[in-house]
Amino acid sequence: MGVPVPDPVSRPLTRPAPPAVATLVGAWLALLALLALTVTLAHVPLGAWNAALALAIAIAKALLIVLVFMHVRHASRLTQVFSALGFVWLMVLFSLLMSDALTRTPLSPWP
């Protein structure tokens, strides 16, 4: 149609190279190790620390998945910022949930 477009718009999109197989296998093995650690800690009586350690392991697994399998590690800076903001928002929601759950008084039993 004869409409001029800027140079960045007229160039084809380039995709980053996929991660190496060794990186994917290493991430998979790390996820399996974290899974084994989660199952092991579920059977160890640590009291109140069980939930905290399970949540820490879950966060580590989520970060591993986001960075390696969702390719955020090699994404643009804007994608990395919004991914980090998603985790910050998730932590805000978890803290609000825990502050509500931990400050409730137990219900009295039925008479």
PDB file of N, CA and C in Angstrom:
ATOM      1  N   MET A   1       0.803  -1.180   0.000  1.00  0.00           N
ATOM      2  CA  MET A   1       0.000   0.000   0.000  1.00  0.00           C
ATOM      3  C   MET A   1       0.850   1.249   0.000  1.00  0.00           C
ATOM      4  N   GLY A   2       2.119   1.099   0.132  1.00  0.00           N
ATOM      5  CA  GLY A   2       2.987   2.253   0.101  1.00  0.00           C
ATOM      6  C   GLY A   2       3.099   2.966   1.435  1.00  0.00           C
ATOM      7  N   VAL A   3       2.732   2.292   2.534  1.00  0.00           N
ATOM      8  CA  VAL A   3       2.823   2.910   3.857  1.00  0.00           C
ATOM      9  C   VAL A   3       4.212   2.621   4.413  1.00  0.00           C
ATOM     10  N   PRO A   4       4.974   3.650   4.733  1.00  0.00           N
ATOM     11  CA  PRO A   4       6.309   3.389   5.275  1.00  0.00           C
ATOM     12  C   PRO A   4       6.217   2.891   6.715  1.00  0.00           C
ATOM     13  N   VAL A   5       7.036   1.920   7.051  1.00  0.00           N
ATOM     14  CA  VAL A   5       7.092   1.392   8.409  1.00  0.00           C
ATOM     15  C   VAL A   5       8.516   1.541   8.927  1.00  0.00           C
ATOM     16  N   PRO A   6       8.666   1.725  10.243  1.00  0.00           N
ATOM     17  CA  PRO A   6      10.017   1.837  10.799  1.00  0.00           C
ATOM     18  C   PRO A   6      10.809   0.549  10.591  1.00  0.00           C
ATOM     19  N   ASP A   7      12.103   0.667  10.618  1.00  0.00           N
ATOM     20  CA  ASP A   7      12.976  -0.482  10.385  1.00  0.00           C
ATOM     21  C   ASP A   7      12.748  -1.631  11.362  1.00  0.00           C
ATOM     22  N   PRO A   8      12.588  -1.398  12.690  1.00  0.00           N
ATOM     23  CA  PRO A   8      12.365  -2.544  13.593  1.00  0.00           C
ATOM     24  C   PRO A   8      11.086  -3.309  13.286  1.00  0.00           C
ATOM     25  N   VAL A   9      10.083  -2.647  12.727  1.00  0.00           N
ATOM     26  CA  VAL A   9       8.824  -3.329  12.419  1.00  0.00           C
ATOM     27  C   VAL A   9       8.966  -4.168  11.156  1.00  0.00           C
ATOM     28  N   SER A  10       9.781  -3.707  10.221  1.00  0.00           N
ATOM     29  CA  SER A  10       9.887  -4.409   8.951  1.00  0.00           C
ATOM     30  C   SER A  10      10.813  -5.619   9.008  1.00  0.00           C
ATOM     31  N   ARG A  11      11.659  -5.698  10.049  1.00  0.00           N
ATOM     32  CA  ARG A  11      12.546  -6.860  10.158  1.00  0.00           C
ATOM     33  C   ARG A  11      11.785  -8.062  10.692  1.00  0.00           C
ATOM     34  N   PRO A  12      12.130  -9.274  10.268  1.00  0.00           N
ATOM     35  CA  PRO A  12      11.461 -10.459  10.824  1.00  0.00           C
ATOM     36  C   PRO A  12      11.888 -10.676  12.278  1.00  0.00           C
ATOM     37  N   LEU A  13      10.995 -11.288  13.037  1.00  0.00           N
ATOM     38  CA  LEU A  13      11.301 -11.573  14.433  1.00  0.00           C
ATOM     39  C   LEU A  13      12.342 -12.682  14.525  1.00  0.00           C
ATOM     40  N   THR A  14      13.254 -12.530  15.439  1.00  0.00           N
ATOM     41  CA  THR A  14      14.256 -13.569  15.682  1.00  0.00           C
ATOM     42  C   THR A  14      13.973 -14.205  17.026  1.00  0.00           C
ATOM     43  N   ARG A  15      14.118 -15.492  17.090  1.00  0.00           N
ATOM     44  CA  ARG A  15      13.904 -16.229  18.332  1.00  0.00           C
ATOM     45  C   ARG A  15      15.249 -16.606  18.919  1.00  0.00           C
ATOM     46  N   PRO A  16      15.337 -16.572  20.248  1.00  0.00           N
ATOM     47  CA  PRO A  16      16.593 -17.015  20.857  1.00  0.00           C
ATOM     48  C   PRO A  16      16.763 -18.526  20.681  1.00  0.00           C
ATOM     49  N   ALA A  17      17.992 -18.937  20.743  1.00  0.00           N
ATOM     50  CA  ALA A  17      18.280 -20.366  20.597  1.00  0.00           C
ATOM     51  C   ALA A  17      17.700 -21.128  21.786  1.00  0.00           C
ATOM     52  N   PRO A  18      17.173 -22.313  21.558  1.00  0.00           N
ATOM     53  CA  PRO A  18      16.647 -23.102  22.683  1.00  0.00           C
ATOM     54  C   PRO A  18      17.784 -23.521  23.604  1.00  0.00           C
ATOM     55  N   PRO A  19      17.477 -23.782  24.865  1.00  0.00           N
ATOM     56  CA  PRO A  19      18.539 -24.191  25.788  1.00  0.00           C
ATOM     57  C   PRO A  19      19.139 -25.529  25.382  1.00  0.00           C
ATOM     58  N   ALA A  20      20.364 -25.721  25.781  1.00  0.00           N
ATOM     59  CA  ALA A  20      21.059 -26.959  25.459  1.00  0.00           C
ATOM     60  C   ALA A  20      20.393 -28.134  26.174  1.00  0.00           C
ATOM     61  N   VAL A  21      20.566 -29.295  25.611  1.00  0.00           N
ATOM     62  CA  VAL A  21      19.979 -30.509  26.199  1.00  0.00           C
ATOM     63  C   VAL A  21      20.551 -30.742  27.596  1.00  0.00           C
ATOM     64  N   ALA A  22      21.822 -30.444  27.789  1.00  0.00           N
ATOM     65  CA  ALA A  22      22.434 -30.632  29.107  1.00  0.00           C
ATOM     66  C   ALA A  22      21.764 -29.735  30.150  1.00  0.00           C
ATOM     67  N   THR A  23      21.391 -28.529  29.756  1.00  0.00           N
ATOM     68  CA  THR A  23      20.701 -27.626  30.681  1.00  0.00           C
ATOM     69  C   THR A  23      19.335 -28.180  31.055  1.00  0.00           C
ATOM     70  N   LEU A  24      18.611 -28.681  30.071  1.00  0.00           N
ATOM     71  CA  LEU A  24      17.286 -29.235  30.333  1.00  0.00           C
ATOM     72  C   LEU A  24      17.362 -30.482  31.211  1.00  0.00           C
ATOM     73  N   VAL A  25      18.318 -31.344  30.927  1.00  0.00           N
ATOM     74  CA  VAL A  25      18.479 -32.563  31.728  1.00  0.00           C
ATOM     75  C   VAL A  25      18.916 -32.208  33.148  1.00  0.00           C
ATOM     76  N   GLY A  26      19.808 -31.224  33.280  1.00  0.00           N
ATOM     77  CA  GLY A  26      20.232 -30.789  34.613  1.00  0.00           C
ATOM     78  C   GLY A  26      19.085 -30.210  35.417  1.00  0.00           C
ATOM     79  N   ALA A  27      18.235 -29.429  34.762  1.00  0.00           N
ATOM     80  CA  ALA A  27      17.065 -28.867  35.451  1.00  0.00           C
ATOM     81  C   ALA A  27      16.101 -29.977  35.849  1.00  0.00           C
ATOM     82  N   TRP A  28      15.928 -30.954  34.968  1.00  0.00           N
ATOM     83  CA  TRP A  28      15.037 -32.073  35.275  1.00  0.00           C
ATOM     84  C   TRP A  28      15.570 -32.876  36.469  1.00  0.00           C
ATOM     85  N   LEU A  29      16.870 -33.125  36.489  1.00  0.00           N
ATOM     86  CA  LEU A  29      17.469 -33.855  37.613  1.00  0.00           C
ATOM     87  C   LEU A  29      17.362 -33.049  38.907  1.00  0.00           C
ATOM     88  N   ALA A  30      17.530 -31.739  38.808  1.00  0.00           N
ATOM     89  CA  ALA A  30      17.371 -30.901  40.005  1.00  0.00           C
ATOM     90  C   ALA A  30      15.930 -30.944  40.508  1.00  0.00           C
ATOM     91  N   LEU A  31      14.967 -30.947  39.588  1.00  0.00           N
ATOM     92  CA  LEU A  31      13.564 -31.064  39.997  1.00  0.00           C
ATOM     93  C   LEU A  31      13.281 -32.409  40.664  1.00  0.00           C
ATOM     94  N   LEU A  32      13.875 -33.467  40.133  1.00  0.00           N
ATOM     95  CA  LEU A  32      13.703 -34.775  40.765  1.00  0.00           C
ATOM     96  C   LEU A  32      14.334 -34.813  42.155  1.00  0.00           C
ATOM     97  N   ALA A  33      15.500 -34.180  42.309  1.00  0.00           N
ATOM     98  CA  ALA A  33      16.149 -34.132  43.615  1.00  0.00           C
ATOM     99  C   ALA A  33      15.308 -33.329  44.604  1.00  0.00           C
ATOM    100  N   LEU A  34      14.734 -32.219  44.148  1.00  0.00           N
ATOM    101  CA  LEU A  34      13.878 -31.426  45.026  1.00  0.00           C
ATOM    102  C   LEU A  34      12.598 -32.180  45.380  1.00  0.00           C
ATOM    103  N   LEU A  35      12.100 -32.962  44.435  1.00  0.00           N
ATOM    104  CA  LEU A  35      10.929 -33.793  44.721  1.00  0.00           C
ATOM    105  C   LEU A  35      11.263 -34.831  45.795  1.00  0.00           C
ATOM    106  N   ALA A  36      12.411 -35.484  45.659  1.00  0.00           N
ATOM    107  CA  ALA A  36      12.829 -36.466  46.661  1.00  0.00           C
ATOM    108  C   ALA A  36      13.026 -35.811  48.025  1.00  0.00           C
ATOM    109  N   LEU A  37      13.571 -34.591  48.024  1.00  0.00           N
ATOM    110  CA  LEU A  37      13.741 -33.870  49.277  1.00  0.00           C
ATOM    111  C   LEU A  37      12.394 -33.519  49.903  1.00  0.00           C
ATOM    112  N   THR A  38      11.419 -33.150  49.086  1.00  0.00           N
ATOM    113  CA  THR A  38      10.086 -32.841  49.583  1.00  0.00           C
ATOM    114  C   THR A  38       9.445 -34.068  50.216  1.00  0.00           C
ATOM    115  N   VAL A  39       9.533 -35.206  49.535  1.00  0.00           N
ATOM    116  CA  VAL A  39       8.934 -36.438  50.066  1.00  0.00           C
ATOM    117  C   VAL A  39       9.653 -36.868  51.340  1.00  0.00           C
ATOM    118  N   THR A  40      10.959 -36.739  51.382  1.00  0.00           N
ATOM    119  CA  THR A  40      11.716 -37.112  52.574  1.00  0.00           C
ATOM    120  C   THR A  40      11.350 -36.220  53.763  1.00  0.00           C
ATOM    121  N   LEU A  41      11.284 -34.918  53.526  1.00  0.00           N
ATOM    122  CA  LEU A  41      10.965 -33.998  54.623  1.00  0.00           C
ATOM    123  C   LEU A  41       9.530 -34.139  55.109  1.00  0.00           C
ATOM    124  N   ALA A  42       8.662 -34.683  54.265  1.00  0.00           N
ATOM    125  CA  ALA A  42       7.282 -34.898  54.694  1.00  0.00           C
ATOM    126  C   ALA A  42       7.193 -35.968  55.785  1.00  0.00           C
ATOM    127  N   HIS A  43       8.181 -36.828  55.836  1.00  0.00           N
ATOM    128  CA  HIS A  43       8.177 -37.910  56.826  1.00  0.00           C
ATOM    129  C   HIS A  43       9.058 -37.621  58.039  1.00  0.00           C
ATOM    130  N   VAL A  44       9.715 -36.469  58.045  1.00  0.00           N
ATOM    131  CA  VAL A  44      10.565 -36.083  59.174  1.00  0.00           C
ATOM    132  C   VAL A  44       9.781 -35.114  60.054  1.00  0.00           C
ATOM    133  N   PRO A  45       9.633 -35.423  61.340  1.00  0.00           N
ATOM    134  CA  PRO A  45       8.860 -34.527  62.218  1.00  0.00           C
ATOM    135  C   PRO A  45       9.675 -33.296  62.620  1.00  0.00           C
ATOM    136  N   LEU A  46       9.451 -32.186  61.933  1.00  0.00           N
ATOM    137  CA  LEU A  46      10.156 -30.948  62.241  1.00  0.00           C
ATOM    138  C   LEU A  46       9.242 -29.896  62.862  1.00  0.00           C
ATOM    139  N   GLY A  47       8.025 -30.279  63.167  1.00  0.00           N
ATOM    140  CA  GLY A  47       7.101 -29.337  63.785  1.00  0.00           C
ATOM    141  C   GLY A  47       6.648 -28.270  62.794  1.00  0.00           C
ATOM    142  N   ALA A  48       6.777 -27.020  63.226  1.00  0.00           N
ATOM    143  CA  ALA A  48       6.329 -25.901  62.393  1.00  0.00           C
ATOM    144  C   ALA A  48       7.241 -25.668  61.195  1.00  0.00           C
ATOM    145  N   TRP A  49       8.438 -26.224  61.216  1.00  0.00           N
ATOM    146  CA  TRP A  49       9.377 -26.013  60.111  1.00  0.00           C
ATOM    147  C   TRP A  49       9.018 -26.824  58.875  1.00  0.00           C
ATOM    148  N   ASN A  50       8.185 -27.846  59.008  1.00  0.00           N
ATOM    149  CA  ASN A  50       7.808 -28.648  57.839  1.00  0.00           C
ATOM    150  C   ASN A  50       7.169 -27.791  56.761  1.00  0.00           C
ATOM    151  N   ALA A  51       6.219 -26.961  57.147  1.00  0.00           N
ATOM    152  CA  ALA A  51       5.528 -26.120  56.167  1.00  0.00           C
ATOM    153  C   ALA A  51       6.472 -25.095  55.563  1.00  0.00           C
ATOM    154  N   ALA A  52       7.324 -24.504  56.372  1.00  0.00           N
ATOM    155  CA  ALA A  52       8.254 -23.493  55.868  1.00  0.00           C
ATOM    156  C   ALA A  52       9.251 -24.102  54.875  1.00  0.00           C
ATOM    157  N   LEU A  53       9.782 -25.269  55.204  1.00  0.00           N
ATOM    158  CA  LEU A  53      10.730 -25.922  54.296  1.00  0.00           C
ATOM    159  C   LEU A  53      10.043 -26.400  53.017  1.00  0.00           C
ATOM    160  N   ALA A  54       8.829 -26.910  53.143  1.00  0.00           N
ATOM    161  CA  ALA A  54       8.099 -27.339  51.950  1.00  0.00           C
ATOM    162  C   ALA A  54       7.805 -26.153  51.034  1.00  0.00           C
ATOM    163  N   LEU A  55       7.469 -25.013  51.611  1.00  0.00           N
ATOM    164  CA  LEU A  55       7.217 -23.815  50.806  1.00  0.00           C
ATOM    165  C   LEU A  55       8.498 -23.324  50.151  1.00  0.00           C
ATOM    166  N   ALA A  56       9.615 -23.369  50.863  1.00  0.00           N
ATOM    167  CA  ALA A  56      10.897 -22.960  50.282  1.00  0.00           C
ATOM    168  C   ALA A  56      11.293 -23.871  49.120  1.00  0.00           C
ATOM    169  N   ILE A  57      11.081 -25.161  49.272  1.00  0.00           N
ATOM    170  CA  ILE A  57      11.392 -26.102  48.189  1.00  0.00           C
ATOM    171  C   ILE A  57      10.469 -25.870  47.005  1.00  0.00           C
ATOM    172  N   ALA A  58       9.202 -25.588  47.266  1.00  0.00           N
ATOM    173  CA  ALA A  58       8.260 -25.312  46.175  1.00  0.00           C
ATOM    174  C   ALA A  58       8.647 -24.050  45.420  1.00  0.00           C
ATOM    175  N   ILE A  59       9.117 -23.035  46.128  1.00  0.00           N
ATOM    176  CA  ILE A  59       9.560 -21.813  45.466  1.00  0.00           C
ATOM    177  C   ILE A  59      10.791 -22.087  44.609  1.00  0.00           C
ATOM    178  N   ALA A  60      11.705 -22.905  45.119  1.00  0.00           N
ATOM    179  CA  ALA A  60      12.900 -23.256  44.340  1.00  0.00           C
ATOM    180  C   ALA A  60      12.521 -24.009  43.069  1.00  0.00           C
ATOM    181  N   LYS A  61      11.563 -24.931  43.167  1.00  0.00           N
ATOM    182  CA  LYS A  61      11.118 -25.674  41.984  1.00  0.00           C
ATOM    183  C   LYS A  61      10.442 -24.740  40.984  1.00  0.00           C
ATOM    184  N   ALA A  62       9.630 -23.828  41.482  1.00  0.00           N
ATOM    185  CA  ALA A  62       8.947 -22.888  40.585  1.00  0.00           C
ATOM    186  C   ALA A  62       9.950 -21.981  39.873  1.00  0.00           C
ATOM    187  N   LEU A  63      10.946 -21.498  40.603  1.00  0.00           N
ATOM    188  CA  LEU A  63      11.971 -20.660  39.972  1.00  0.00           C
ATOM    189  C   LEU A  63      12.746 -21.431  38.905  1.00  0.00           C
ATOM    190  N   LEU A  64      13.059 -22.661  39.197  1.00  0.00           N
ATOM    191  CA  LEU A  64      13.775 -23.489  38.223  1.00  0.00           C
ATOM    192  C   LEU A  64      12.950 -23.679  36.954  1.00  0.00           C
ATOM    193  N   ILE A  65      11.674 -23.928  37.116  1.00  0.00           N
ATOM    194  CA  ILE A  65      10.803 -24.114  35.957  1.00  0.00           C
ATOM    195  C   ILE A  65      10.678 -22.829  35.163  1.00  0.00           C
ATOM    196  N   VAL A  66      10.487 -21.722  35.853  1.00  0.00           N
ATOM    197  CA  VAL A  66      10.324 -20.438  35.153  1.00  0.00           C
ATOM    198  C   VAL A  66      11.606 -20.060  34.420  1.00  0.00           C
ATOM    199  N   LEU A  67      12.743 -20.205  35.068  1.00  0.00           N
ATOM    200  CA  LEU A  67      13.992 -19.773  34.453  1.00  0.00           C
ATOM    201  C   LEU A  67      14.428 -20.659  33.293  1.00  0.00           C
ATOM    202  N   VAL A  68      14.284 -21.965  33.438  1.00  0.00           N
ATOM    203  CA  VAL A  68      14.810 -22.874  32.417  1.00  0.00           C
ATOM    204  C   VAL A  68      13.758 -23.237  31.380  1.00  0.00           C
ATOM    205  N   PHE A  69      12.621 -23.760  31.825  1.00  0.00           N
ATOM    206  CA  PHE A  69      11.653 -24.290  30.871  1.00  0.00           C
ATOM    207  C   PHE A  69      10.782 -23.213  30.234  1.00  0.00           C
ATOM    208  N   MET A  70      10.596 -22.081  30.906  1.00  0.00           N
ATOM    209  CA  MET A  70       9.820 -20.999  30.314  1.00  0.00           C
ATOM    210  C   MET A  70      10.736 -19.963  29.659  1.00  0.00           C
ATOM    211  N   HIS A  71      12.033 -20.211  29.640  1.00  0.00           N
ATOM    212  CA  HIS A  71      13.030 -19.408  28.930  1.00  0.00           C
ATOM    213  C   HIS A  71      13.098 -17.965  29.415  1.00  0.00           C
ATOM    214  N   VAL A  72      12.783 -17.713  30.677  1.00  0.00           N
ATOM    215  CA  VAL A  72      12.845 -16.344  31.191  1.00  0.00           C
ATOM    216  C   VAL A  72      14.292 -15.915  31.407  1.00  0.00           C
ATOM    217  N   ARG A  73      15.166 -16.855  31.640  1.00  0.00           N
ATOM    218  CA  ARG A  73      16.574 -16.523  31.873  1.00  0.00           C
ATOM    219  C   ARG A  73      17.194 -15.795  30.690  1.00  0.00           C
ATOM    220  N   HIS A  74      16.799 -16.163  29.465  1.00  0.00           N
ATOM    221  CA  HIS A  74      17.362 -15.543  28.265  1.00  0.00           C
ATOM    222  C   HIS A  74      16.368 -14.606  27.588  1.00  0.00           C
ATOM    223  N   ALA A  75      15.292 -14.270  28.275  1.00  0.00           N
ATOM    224  CA  ALA A  75      14.280 -13.390  27.695  1.00  0.00           C
ATOM    225  C   ALA A  75      14.716 -11.931  27.844  1.00  0.00           C
ATOM    226  N   SER A  76      13.882 -11.042  27.310  1.00  0.00           N
ATOM    227  CA  SER A  76      14.196  -9.615  27.408  1.00  0.00           C
ATOM    228  C   SER A  76      14.075  -9.156  28.855  1.00  0.00           C
ATOM    229  N   ARG A  77      14.648  -7.999  29.120  1.00  0.00           N
ATOM    230  CA  ARG A  77      14.632  -7.456  30.473  1.00  0.00           C
ATOM    231  C   ARG A  77      13.195  -7.186  30.931  1.00  0.00           C
ATOM    232  N   LEU A  78      12.336  -6.756  30.024  1.00  0.00           N
ATOM    233  CA  LEU A  78      10.947  -6.482  30.373  1.00  0.00           C
ATOM    234  C   LEU A  78      10.230  -7.757  30.811  1.00  0.00           C
ATOM    235  N   THR A  79      10.475  -8.856  30.122  1.00  0.00           N
ATOM    236  CA  THR A  79       9.880 -10.136  30.513  1.00  0.00           C
ATOM    237  C   THR A  79      10.382 -10.571  31.879  1.00  0.00           C
ATOM    238  N   GLN A  80      11.668 -10.374  32.141  1.00  0.00           N
ATOM    239  CA  GLN A  80      12.222 -10.740  33.437  1.00  0.00           C
ATOM    240  C   GLN A  80      11.623  -9.896  34.559  1.00  0.00           C
ATOM    241  N   VAL A  81      11.414  -8.610  34.300  1.00  0.00           N
ATOM    242  CA  VAL A  81      10.830  -7.731  35.320  1.00  0.00           C
ATOM    243  C   VAL A  81       9.405  -8.173  35.639  1.00  0.00           C
ATOM    244  N   PHE A  82       8.612  -8.460  34.608  1.00  0.00           N
ATOM    245  CA  PHE A  82       7.242  -8.862  34.859  1.00  0.00           C
ATOM    246  C   PHE A  82       7.161 -10.243  35.503  1.00  0.00           C
ATOM    247  N   SER A  83       8.085 -11.125  35.204  1.00  0.00           N
ATOM    248  CA  SER A  83       8.131 -12.417  35.887  1.00  0.00           C
ATOM    249  C   SER A  83       8.464 -12.230  37.358  1.00  0.00           C
ATOM    250  N   ALA A  84       9.414 -11.368  37.654  1.00  0.00           N
ATOM    251  CA  ALA A  84       9.756 -11.087  39.056  1.00  0.00           C
ATOM    252  C   ALA A  84       8.579 -10.437  39.775  1.00  0.00           C
ATOM    253  N   LEU A  85       7.877  -9.537  39.100  1.00  0.00           N
ATOM    254  CA  LEU A  85       6.711  -8.907  39.723  1.00  0.00           C
ATOM    255  C   LEU A  85       5.604  -9.925  39.988  1.00  0.00           C
ATOM    256  N   GLY A  86       5.487 -10.929  39.136  1.00  0.00           N
ATOM    257  CA  GLY A  86       4.528 -11.996  39.392  1.00  0.00           C
ATOM    258  C   GLY A  86       4.861 -12.755  40.661  1.00  0.00           C
ATOM    259  N   PHE A  87       6.157 -13.025  40.882  1.00  0.00           N
ATOM    260  CA  PHE A  87       6.564 -13.698  42.111  1.00  0.00           C
ATOM    261  C   PHE A  87       6.353 -12.801  43.320  1.00  0.00           C
ATOM    262  N   VAL A  88       6.618 -11.512  43.185  1.00  0.00           N
ATOM    263  CA  VAL A  88       6.383 -10.588  44.304  1.00  0.00           C
ATOM    264  C   VAL A  88       4.899 -10.583  44.658  1.00  0.00           C
ATOM    265  N   TRP A  89       4.039 -10.544  43.651  1.00  0.00           N
ATOM    266  CA  TRP A  89       2.607 -10.552  43.905  1.00  0.00           C
ATOM    267  C   TRP A  89       2.179 -11.863  44.572  1.00  0.00           C
ATOM    268  N   LEU A  90       2.758 -12.968  44.145  1.00  0.00           N
ATOM    269  CA  LEU A  90       2.448 -14.251  44.768  1.00  0.00           C
ATOM    270  C   LEU A  90       2.861 -14.262  46.233  1.00  0.00           C
ATOM    271  N   MET A  91       4.006 -13.675  46.551  1.00  0.00           N
ATOM    272  CA  MET A  91       4.449 -13.611  47.943  1.00  0.00           C
ATOM    273  C   MET A  91       3.523 -12.707  48.772  1.00  0.00           C
ATOM    274  N   VAL A  92       3.031 -11.627  48.168  1.00  0.00           N
ATOM    275  CA  VAL A  92       2.066 -10.768  48.872  1.00  0.00           C
ATOM    276  C   VAL A  92       0.806 -11.567  49.194  1.00  0.00           C
ATOM    277  N   LEU A  93       0.322 -12.327  48.219  1.00  0.00           N
ATOM    278  CA  LEU A  93      -0.881 -13.128  48.448  1.00  0.00           C
ATOM    279  C   LEU A  93      -0.646 -14.195  49.512  1.00  0.00           C
ATOM    280  N   PHE A  94       0.509 -14.861  49.475  1.00  0.00           N
ATOM    281  CA  PHE A  94       0.825 -15.861  50.500  1.00  0.00           C
ATOM    282  C   PHE A  94       0.924 -15.223  51.880  1.00  0.00           C
ATOM    283  N   SER A  95       1.533 -14.047  51.971  1.00  0.00           N
ATOM    284  CA  SER A  95       1.658 -13.404  53.284  1.00  0.00           C
ATOM    285  C   SER A  95       0.290 -12.980  53.816  1.00  0.00           C
ATOM    286  N   LEU A  96      -0.585 -12.509  52.939  1.00  0.00           N
ATOM    287  CA  LEU A  96      -1.936 -12.167  53.390  1.00  0.00           C
ATOM    288  C   LEU A  96      -2.704 -13.413  53.827  1.00  0.00           C
ATOM    289  N   LEU A  97      -2.540 -14.488  53.078  1.00  0.00           N
ATOM    290  CA  LEU A  97      -3.196 -15.743  53.451  1.00  0.00           C
ATOM    291  C   LEU A  97      -2.714 -16.232  54.804  1.00  0.00           C
ATOM    292  N   MET A  98      -1.400 -16.213  55.014  1.00  0.00           N
ATOM    293  CA  MET A  98      -0.854 -16.709  56.273  1.00  0.00           C
ATOM    294  C   MET A  98      -1.203 -15.783  57.437  1.00  0.00           C
ATOM    295  N   SER A  99      -1.224 -14.475  57.197  1.00  0.00           N
ATOM    296  CA  SER A  99      -1.598 -13.571  58.289  1.00  0.00           C
ATOM    297  C   SER A  99      -3.054 -13.788  58.693  1.00  0.00           C
ATOM    298  N   ASP A 100      -3.909 -14.117  57.744  1.00  0.00           N
ATOM    299  CA  ASP A 100      -5.300 -14.418  58.078  1.00  0.00           C
ATOM    300  C   ASP A 100      -5.413 -15.750  58.798  1.00  0.00           C
ATOM    301  N   ALA A 101      -4.734 -16.771  58.293  1.00  0.00           N
ATOM    302  CA  ALA A 101      -4.861 -18.112  58.874  1.00  0.00           C
ATOM    303  C   ALA A 101      -4.240 -18.192  60.265  1.00  0.00           C
ATOM    304  N   LEU A 102      -3.159 -17.490  60.494  1.00  0.00           N
ATOM    305  CA  LEU A 102      -2.464 -17.601  61.774  1.00  0.00           C
ATOM    306  C   LEU A 102      -3.063 -16.724  62.867  1.00  0.00           C
ATOM    307  N   THR A 103      -3.900 -15.767  62.511  1.00  0.00           N
ATOM    308  CA  THR A 103      -4.485 -14.892  63.537  1.00  0.00           C
ATOM    309  C   THR A 103      -5.925 -15.253  63.881  1.00  0.00           C
ATOM    310  N   ARG A 104      -6.458 -16.276  63.296  1.00  0.00           N
ATOM    311  CA  ARG A 104      -7.822 -16.693  63.627  1.00  0.00           C
ATOM    312  C   ARG A 104      -7.832 -17.441  64.955  1.00  0.00           C
ATOM    313  N   THR A 105      -8.891 -17.233  65.704  1.00  0.00           N
ATOM    314  CA  THR A 105      -9.055 -17.969  66.953  1.00  0.00           C
ATOM    315  C   THR A 105      -9.796 -19.263  66.641  1.00  0.00           C
ATOM    316  N   PRO A 106      -9.471 -20.330  67.320  1.00  0.00           N
ATOM    317  CA  PRO A 106     -10.148 -21.591  67.052  1.00  0.00           C
ATOM    318  C   PRO A 106     -11.622 -21.512  67.468  1.00  0.00           C
ATOM    319  N   LEU A 107     -12.448 -22.187  66.735  1.00  0.00           N
ATOM    320  CA  LEU A 107     -13.866 -22.225  67.049  1.00  0.00           C
ATOM    321  C   LEU A 107     -14.105 -23.118  68.256  1.00  0.00           C
ATOM    322  N   SER A 108     -15.061 -22.731  69.070  1.00  0.00           N
ATOM    323  CA  SER A 108     -15.398 -23.578  70.221  1.00  0.00           C
ATOM    324  C   SER A 108     -16.222 -24.758  69.739  1.00  0.00           C
ATOM    325  N   PRO A 109     -16.116 -25.893  70.407  1.00  0.00           N
ATOM    326  CA  PRO A 109     -16.905 -27.070  69.971  1.00  0.00           C
ATOM    327  C   PRO A 109     -18.384 -26.864  70.222  1.00  0.00           C
ATOM    328  N   TRP A 110     -19.177 -27.635  69.548  1.00  0.00           N
ATOM    329  CA  TRP A 110     -20.627 -27.560  69.724  1.00  0.00           C
ATOM    330  C   TRP A 110     -20.989 -27.980  71.141  1.00  0.00           C
ATOM    331  N   PRO A 111     -22.039 -27.370  71.732  1.00  0.00           N
ATOM    332  CA  PRO A 111     -22.412 -27.724  73.118  1.00  0.00           C
ATOM    333  C   PRO A 111     -22.989 -29.110  73.236  1.00  0.00           C
TER     334      PRO A 111
END
